Amino acid sequence: MLVGFTTELRRAGLTVGSGEVITYCAAATVVDVTDLVDLYWAGRCTLVSRREQVPTYHRVFVEYFLGEPGSSPGASPFSAVARAEALATLEIAETERLGDEQQEQQAELGYAAAKAATVKTKSFAACTPEELAALRRILRTMQLAPPRRRTRRTTPTRRGRRPDLRRTVRESMRLHGEPGTLHRRRRRMRTRRLTLLLDVSGSMADYSRNLVQFAHTSSRASNRTEVFCFGTRLTRITRELEHRRPDLALDRAAAAVTDWEGGTRIGACLDEFVRRWARRGLTRGGIVVICSDGLDRGDPELLESAMERLARLCHRIVWLNPHRGDRTDFTPDTLGMMVAEPYVDELLSGHDLASLSEFARVLATMP
């Protein structure tokens, strides 16, 4: 498949030698070849040598892998979300084995695309096991882009507000005192830290595994992502989710969390998070995402105190409450949610795949 793609590049006019083909195949062994984004940039880094070749490479890639001619390289490199969602419903899970006759009956891609669109807006609690398996395969294709912020450190640039006096004077000395180019600097951009706090208590049993799957996708998108689970106690599962295979990563996370589908003590867990992690700089300038239904059996005063301190230590607090659903006039009806709401910057839902996609969009546009 990869060699055939390079053959199409040669037919389009790009100079691709045998050495570039070998390098591209070697790069494909490092990245995830099932992820079109990884495959796209692996080829662009190894097969493109000049900037003017990028539009041709983009056009051939889209036509070869997606079968969509005429796409232009605009804001996004390509649009593979709809096709990936459709193919995900046709993909057989590792624990499932279908016969040849059943496989032939599911060969219509249009039916799969319609089914994927229906599953996206269906609540996790109402999905069948087959639909949940398809949703988890779609979650693997999601790309999360945390927002970025300006740092105090600067970097050289062609256009910037601050003059780079050191480089300017050094250039002038090289020219024996003659005035040279005025060099400039700009402030660096850095991805904000993202911290996910996932409620794995019994009341969140219908949503917890899918949220952990979403957390695994988020941690792969950025190396500045921390993931915690809480029920009656707080557990850090960032290292368990570092594995590339989602199934194995989720099994390791489930083994590390000892209070899975147990009670709920949101206030005590958030207080421990603030004292042990947030106060040490983990959330400084970052975004904290709490995924919980707000059913707390602990002290509400402790929850309010923890939320107040957490709001002062982080940049934004986002709360994903599955009970919100698609309602725009949602009002909290649980004590824990009513206590925490004044300190929440964004209250969103996380009950289906469409709401998680909306959260990813809101996260990317946060200031």
Protein backbone atom coordinates (compact mmCIF):
# COMPACT_ATOMS: atom_id res chain seq x y z
CA MET A 1 0.00 0.00 0.00
CA LEU A 2 2.73 2.49 0.90
CA VAL A 3 4.79 1.67 -2.17
CA GLY A 4 1.70 2.11 -4.31
CA PHE A 5 1.20 5.55 -2.80
CA THR A 6 4.76 6.56 -3.70
CA THR A 7 4.14 5.31 -7.24
CA GLU A 8 1.18 7.67 -7.51
CA LEU A 9 3.40 10.51 -6.28
CA ARG A 10 5.87 9.78 -9.08
CA ARG A 11 3.06 9.83 -11.63
CA ALA A 12 2.00 13.24 -10.27
CA GLY A 13 5.49 14.65 -10.90
CA LEU A 14 7.24 14.31 -7.55
CA THR A 15 10.76 12.95 -7.44
CA VAL A 16 10.63 10.01 -5.05
CA GLY A 17 13.62 7.70 -5.01
CA SER A 18 14.10 4.28 -3.49
CA GLY A 19 15.80 5.80 -0.47
CA GLU A 20 12.80 8.00 0.28
CA VAL A 21 10.47 5.01 -0.08
CA ILE A 22 12.54 2.99 2.41
CA THR A 23 12.58 5.93 4.84
CA TYR A 24 8.82 6.33 4.51
CA CYS A 25 8.23 2.64 5.25
CA ALA A 26 10.56 2.85 8.24
CA ALA A 27 8.64 5.88 9.55
CA ALA A 28 5.37 3.95 9.16
CA THR A 29 6.67 1.33 11.60
CA VAL A 30 7.05 3.98 14.29
CA VAL A 31 3.70 5.77 13.91
CA ASP A 32 0.21 4.29 14.00
CA VAL A 33 -0.49 3.31 10.37
CA THR A 34 -4.22 3.12 11.12
CA ASP A 35 -4.21 6.84 11.95
CA LEU A 36 -4.38 8.87 8.73
CA VAL A 37 -2.96 11.93 10.48
CA ASP A 38 0.21 10.05 11.47
CA LEU A 39 0.47 8.53 8.01
CA TYR A 40 0.02 11.92 6.35
CA TRP A 41 2.77 13.65 8.28
CA ALA A 42 5.12 10.67 8.07
CA GLY A 43 4.95 10.90 4.28
CA ARG A 44 5.15 14.66 4.24
CA CYS A 45 8.34 14.61 6.33
CA THR A 46 10.05 11.89 4.29
CA LEU A 47 8.75 12.27 0.73
CA VAL A 48 8.44 16.07 0.31
CA SER A 49 11.67 18.00 -0.12
CA ARG A 50 10.41 21.39 -1.35
CA ARG A 51 7.55 23.61 -0.27
CA GLU A 52 6.00 23.81 -3.74
CA GLN A 53 5.50 20.03 -3.64
CA VAL A 54 3.09 20.19 -0.69
CA PRO A 55 -0.13 20.87 -2.70
CA THR A 56 0.63 17.98 -5.05
CA TYR A 57 1.42 15.65 -2.16
CA HIS A 58 -1.78 16.66 -0.39
CA ARG A 59 -3.92 16.08 -3.49
CA VAL A 60 -2.43 12.64 -4.19
CA PHE A 61 -2.77 11.60 -0.54
CA VAL A 62 -6.45 12.54 -0.39
CA GLU A 63 -7.21 10.81 -3.69
CA TYR A 64 -5.23 7.64 -2.83
CA PHE A 65 -6.30 7.06 0.79
CA LEU A 66 -9.73 8.73 0.90
CA GLY A 67 -10.91 8.64 -2.69
CA GLU A 68 -11.95 12.31 -2.54
CA PRO A 69 -10.50 14.20 -5.54
CA GLY A 70 -10.50 17.98 -5.74
CA SER A 71 -9.81 18.74 -2.07
CA SER A 72 -7.66 21.78 -1.37
CA PRO A 73 -5.11 22.06 1.46
CA GLY A 74 -6.96 24.62 3.58
CA ALA A 75 -7.20 24.97 7.34
CA SER A 76 -7.16 21.21 7.94
CA PRO A 77 -4.88 18.82 6.01
CA PHE A 78 -7.81 16.57 5.08
CA SER A 79 -11.22 15.51 6.33
CA ALA A 80 -11.18 11.86 7.39
CA VAL A 81 -13.65 11.98 10.28
CA ALA A 82 -16.77 10.86 8.42
CA ARG A 83 -14.99 8.06 6.58
CA ALA A 84 -13.24 6.84 9.74
CA GLU A 85 -16.56 6.77 11.60
CA ALA A 86 -18.17 4.79 8.81
CA LEU A 87 -15.33 2.27 8.63
CA ALA A 88 -15.32 1.92 12.42
CA THR A 89 -18.78 0.37 12.38
CA LEU A 90 -17.58 -2.21 9.85
CA GLU A 91 -14.40 -3.05 11.75
CA ILE A 92 -14.57 -6.24 13.79
CA ALA A 93 -13.60 -5.92 17.43
CA GLU A 94 -10.78 -8.05 18.79
CA THR A 95 -13.22 -10.10 20.88
CA GLU A 96 -15.67 -10.63 17.99
CA ARG A 97 -15.40 -13.06 15.08
CA LEU A 98 -18.05 -13.00 12.35
CA GLY A 99 -18.63 -15.61 9.68
CA ASP A 100 -17.99 -15.09 5.99
CA GLU A 101 -21.70 -14.76 5.22
CA GLN A 102 -22.22 -12.06 7.87
CA GLN A 103 -19.17 -10.19 6.66
CA GLU A 104 -20.54 -10.12 3.12
CA GLN A 105 -23.88 -8.81 4.37
CA GLN A 106 -22.18 -5.80 6.02
CA ALA A 107 -20.29 -4.64 2.95
CA GLU A 108 -22.38 -1.51 2.27
CA LEU A 109 -20.46 1.59 3.38
CA GLY A 110 -23.48 3.86 3.05
CA TYR A 111 -25.38 1.81 5.63
CA ALA A 112 -22.39 1.97 7.95
CA ALA A 113 -22.14 5.75 7.59
CA ALA A 114 -25.81 6.18 8.47
CA LYS A 115 -25.40 3.86 11.43
CA ALA A 116 -22.37 5.81 12.65
CA ALA A 117 -24.29 9.09 12.44
CA THR A 118 -27.08 7.58 14.54
CA VAL A 119 -24.72 6.17 17.17
CA LYS A 120 -22.96 9.52 17.58
CA THR A 121 -26.09 11.13 19.06
CA LYS A 122 -27.11 8.13 21.16
CA SER A 123 -26.41 8.22 24.88
CA PHE A 124 -23.75 5.85 26.17
CA ALA A 125 -26.25 4.45 28.69
CA ALA A 126 -28.70 3.47 25.92
CA CYS A 127 -26.16 1.85 23.57
CA THR A 128 -25.94 -1.87 23.00
CA PRO A 129 -22.58 -3.68 23.45
CA GLU A 130 -22.07 -3.71 19.67
CA GLU A 131 -22.74 0.04 19.46
CA LEU A 132 -20.39 0.73 22.38
CA ALA A 133 -17.65 -1.24 20.61
CA ALA A 134 -18.19 0.88 17.48
CA LEU A 135 -18.12 4.08 19.56
CA ARG A 136 -14.82 3.13 21.16
CA ARG A 137 -13.30 2.53 17.74
CA ILE A 138 -14.53 5.98 16.66
CA LEU A 139 -13.07 7.52 19.82
CA ARG A 140 -9.64 6.27 18.78
CA THR A 141 -9.81 8.48 15.67
CA MET A 142 -10.70 11.69 17.53
CA GLN A 143 -8.07 14.42 17.63
CA LEU A 144 -8.01 16.69 20.68
CA ALA A 145 -6.24 20.05 20.36
CA PRO A 146 -5.67 21.75 23.74
CA PRO A 147 -5.39 25.55 23.56
CA ARG A 148 -2.06 27.34 23.61
CA ARG A 149 -0.81 30.30 25.63
CA ARG A 150 1.96 32.84 25.36
CA THR A 151 4.92 32.27 27.67
CA ARG A 152 7.31 34.83 29.11
CA ARG A 153 10.23 33.36 27.18
CA THR A 154 10.92 34.69 23.70
CA THR A 155 12.27 33.18 20.51
CA PRO A 156 13.87 34.74 17.39
CA THR A 157 11.47 35.58 14.59
CA ARG A 158 11.34 37.61 11.39
CA ARG A 159 8.43 39.71 12.57
CA GLY A 160 7.92 40.65 16.17
CA ARG A 161 7.34 43.57 18.49
CA ARG A 162 10.45 43.20 20.64
CA PRO A 163 13.85 44.01 19.11
CA ASP A 164 16.58 41.42 19.60
CA LEU A 165 19.40 43.72 20.66
CA ARG A 166 21.93 40.94 21.23
CA ARG A 167 21.60 39.50 17.72
CA THR A 168 21.46 42.98 16.20
CA VAL A 169 24.70 44.09 17.91
CA ARG A 170 26.39 40.79 17.05
CA GLU A 171 25.45 41.25 13.39
CA SER A 172 26.73 44.83 13.46
CA MET A 173 30.09 43.70 14.92
CA ARG A 174 30.39 41.10 12.17
CA LEU A 175 29.97 43.93 9.66
CA HIS A 176 32.69 46.04 11.41
CA GLY A 177 30.24 48.49 12.93
CA GLU A 178 28.06 48.99 9.87
CA PRO A 179 24.30 49.04 10.64
CA GLY A 180 22.67 45.77 9.69
CA THR A 181 19.26 44.17 9.94
CA LEU A 182 17.18 44.86 13.03
CA HIS A 183 16.40 41.41 14.44
CA ARG A 184 13.28 40.81 16.47
CA ARG A 185 11.86 38.34 18.99
CA ARG A 186 8.40 37.17 19.94
CA ARG A 187 6.92 35.34 22.90
CA ARG A 188 6.81 31.58 22.63
CA MET A 189 3.56 29.64 22.35
CA ARG A 190 3.08 26.63 24.59
CA THR A 191 0.26 24.13 24.93
CA ARG A 192 -1.72 24.52 28.12
CA ARG A 193 -1.74 21.68 30.60
CA LEU A 194 -4.87 19.55 30.52
CA THR A 195 -5.98 17.67 33.63
CA LEU A 196 -8.87 15.20 33.47
CA LEU A 197 -10.65 14.14 36.66
CA LEU A 198 -12.95 11.19 35.88
CA ASP A 199 -15.71 10.02 38.20
CA VAL A 200 -15.74 6.18 38.18
CA SER A 201 -18.34 5.70 40.92
CA GLY A 202 -21.39 3.48 40.59
CA SER A 203 -23.64 6.30 39.35
CA MET A 204 -21.25 6.88 36.42
CA ALA A 205 -20.97 3.21 35.44
CA ASP A 206 -22.68 3.76 32.07
CA TYR A 207 -20.20 6.50 31.07
CA SER A 208 -16.91 5.85 32.93
CA ARG A 209 -15.29 3.40 30.47
CA ASN A 210 -16.02 5.62 27.46
CA LEU A 211 -14.67 8.64 29.32
CA VAL A 212 -11.48 6.75 30.15
CA GLN A 213 -11.22 5.82 26.46
CA PHE A 214 -11.59 9.52 25.62
CA ALA A 215 -8.91 10.33 28.20
CA HIS A 216 -6.57 7.85 26.51
CA THR A 217 -7.11 9.66 23.18
CA SER A 218 -6.49 13.01 24.89
CA SER A 219 -3.26 11.85 26.51
CA ARG A 220 -1.96 10.66 23.12
CA ALA A 221 -2.76 14.04 21.55
CA SER A 222 -0.64 15.97 24.06
CA ASN A 223 2.16 14.97 26.41
CA ARG A 224 0.98 17.68 28.84
CA THR A 225 -2.15 15.75 29.84
CA GLU A 226 -2.74 14.29 33.29
CA VAL A 227 -5.56 11.86 34.05
CA PHE A 228 -7.02 11.02 37.48
CA CYS A 229 -9.91 8.79 38.54
CA PHE A 230 -11.90 9.28 41.70
CA GLY A 231 -14.74 7.62 43.56
CA THR A 232 -14.02 7.27 47.24
CA ARG A 233 -10.31 7.96 46.67
CA LEU A 234 -8.11 9.71 44.11
CA THR A 235 -5.96 7.63 41.73
CA ARG A 236 -3.52 8.90 39.09
CA ILE A 237 -3.66 6.77 35.91
CA THR A 238 -1.51 8.85 33.56
CA ARG A 239 1.21 6.21 33.34
CA GLU A 240 -1.29 3.39 32.82
CA LEU A 241 -2.75 5.23 29.79
CA GLU A 242 0.63 5.70 28.13
CA HIS A 243 0.36 2.35 26.35
CA ARG A 244 -0.40 2.62 22.64
CA ARG A 245 -3.10 -0.07 22.58
CA PRO A 246 -6.33 1.31 24.07
CA ASP A 247 -7.61 -2.04 25.34
CA LEU A 248 -4.42 -2.80 27.23
CA ALA A 249 -4.23 0.78 28.57
CA LEU A 250 -7.81 0.58 29.87
CA ASP A 251 -7.15 -2.78 31.53
CA ARG A 252 -4.12 -1.32 33.31
CA ALA A 253 -6.14 1.68 34.43
CA ALA A 254 -8.93 -0.56 35.74
CA ALA A 255 -6.38 -2.60 37.71
CA ALA A 256 -4.92 0.57 39.25
CA VAL A 257 -8.30 1.97 40.36
CA THR A 258 -9.47 0.04 43.42
CA ASP A 259 -12.80 1.88 43.92
CA TRP A 260 -14.28 1.35 40.46
CA GLU A 261 -18.13 1.59 40.55
CA GLY A 262 -18.10 2.26 44.26
CA GLY A 263 -19.19 5.24 46.34
CA THR A 264 -18.66 8.93 45.65
CA ARG A 265 -16.72 11.47 47.70
CA ILE A 266 -16.12 14.32 45.27
CA GLY A 267 -15.22 16.88 47.92
CA ALA A 268 -12.61 14.71 49.64
CA CYS A 269 -11.04 13.65 46.31
CA LEU A 270 -10.86 17.21 44.96
CA ASP A 271 -9.41 18.40 48.27
CA GLU A 272 -6.69 15.73 48.02
CA PHE A 273 -6.02 16.72 44.41
CA VAL A 274 -5.62 20.39 45.36
CA ARG A 275 -3.35 19.68 48.32
CA ARG A 276 -1.16 17.02 46.70
CA TRP A 277 -1.04 18.05 43.02
CA ALA A 278 -2.56 21.43 42.19
CA ARG A 279 -0.65 23.39 44.82
CA ARG A 280 2.63 22.05 43.41
CA GLY A 281 2.02 23.70 40.04
CA LEU A 282 0.33 20.90 38.09
CA THR A 283 -2.67 23.07 37.15
CA ARG A 284 -0.91 26.45 36.91
CA GLY A 285 -2.11 28.07 33.69
CA GLY A 286 -3.88 24.85 32.70
CA ILE A 287 -7.42 23.59 32.16
CA VAL A 288 -9.08 21.18 34.58
CA VAL A 289 -11.88 18.97 33.23
CA ILE A 290 -14.12 17.25 35.80
CA CYS A 291 -16.33 14.47 34.43
CA SER A 292 -18.98 13.69 37.03
CA ASP A 293 -22.73 13.72 37.63
CA GLY A 294 -22.33 15.68 40.87
CA LEU A 295 -23.77 13.01 43.18
CA ASP A 296 -21.64 13.55 46.28
CA ARG A 297 -22.10 11.81 49.62
CA GLY A 298 -19.44 13.85 51.38
CA ASP A 299 -19.36 17.21 53.10
CA PRO A 300 -20.58 20.00 50.75
CA GLU A 301 -18.46 22.57 52.58
CA LEU A 302 -15.33 20.57 51.79
CA LEU A 303 -16.36 20.43 48.11
CA GLU A 304 -16.94 24.18 47.98
CA SER A 305 -13.58 24.90 49.63
CA ALA A 306 -11.76 22.59 47.20
CA MET A 307 -13.49 24.13 44.16
CA GLU A 308 -12.70 27.65 45.35
CA ARG A 309 -8.99 26.89 45.73
CA LEU A 310 -8.88 24.98 42.46
CA ALA A 311 -10.45 27.91 40.61
CA ARG A 312 -7.65 30.17 41.87
CA LEU A 313 -4.91 27.71 40.87
CA CYS A 314 -5.96 26.85 37.30
CA HIS A 315 -6.89 28.82 34.19
CA ARG A 316 -10.31 27.30 33.44
CA ILE A 317 -12.58 24.64 34.98
CA VAL A 318 -14.77 22.60 32.64
CA TRP A 319 -17.42 20.27 34.07
CA LEU A 320 -18.87 17.44 31.95
CA ASN A 321 -22.18 16.30 33.43
CA PRO A 322 -23.91 13.44 31.54
CA HIS A 323 -27.25 14.38 33.13
CA ARG A 324 -27.24 17.67 31.24
CA GLY A 325 -27.83 15.89 27.95
CA ASP A 326 -28.84 18.10 25.06
CA ARG A 327 -30.82 20.52 27.22
CA THR A 328 -29.89 24.20 27.00
CA ASP A 329 -31.96 25.16 30.09
CA PHE A 330 -30.25 22.65 32.38
CA THR A 331 -30.21 23.54 36.07
CA PRO A 332 -28.28 21.44 38.61
CA ASP A 333 -30.51 19.23 40.74
CA THR A 334 -27.85 17.58 42.90
CA LEU A 335 -26.25 19.15 45.95
CA GLY A 336 -22.70 18.60 44.76
CA MET A 337 -23.41 20.16 41.36
CA MET A 338 -25.15 23.17 42.92
CA VAL A 339 -22.18 23.76 45.22
CA ALA A 340 -19.60 23.49 42.40
CA GLU A 341 -21.45 25.42 39.69
CA PRO A 342 -20.35 28.96 40.74
CA TYR A 343 -16.72 27.98 40.20
CA VAL A 344 -17.24 26.25 36.82
CA ASP A 345 -16.37 28.22 33.67
CA GLU A 346 -17.95 25.80 31.17
CA LEU A 347 -20.73 23.31 31.92
CA LEU A 348 -21.04 20.78 29.10
CA SER A 349 -22.44 17.31 28.59
CA GLY A 350 -20.52 14.09 28.06
CA HIS A 351 -23.32 11.59 27.55
CA ASP A 352 -22.65 10.75 23.88
CA LEU A 353 -20.03 11.02 21.16
CA ALA A 354 -21.48 14.24 19.75
CA SER A 355 -21.13 15.99 23.12
CA LEU A 356 -17.50 14.90 23.41
CA SER A 357 -16.88 16.31 19.92
CA GLU A 358 -18.49 19.57 21.06
CA PHE A 359 -16.19 19.59 24.11
CA ALA A 360 -13.15 19.14 21.84
CA ARG A 361 -14.32 22.12 19.75
CA VAL A 362 -14.87 24.31 22.80
CA LEU A 363 -11.52 23.28 24.27
CA ALA A 364 -9.64 24.30 21.10
CA THR A 365 -11.26 27.78 21.11
CA MET A 366 -10.67 28.57 24.80
CA PRO A 367 -8.60 31.73 25.38
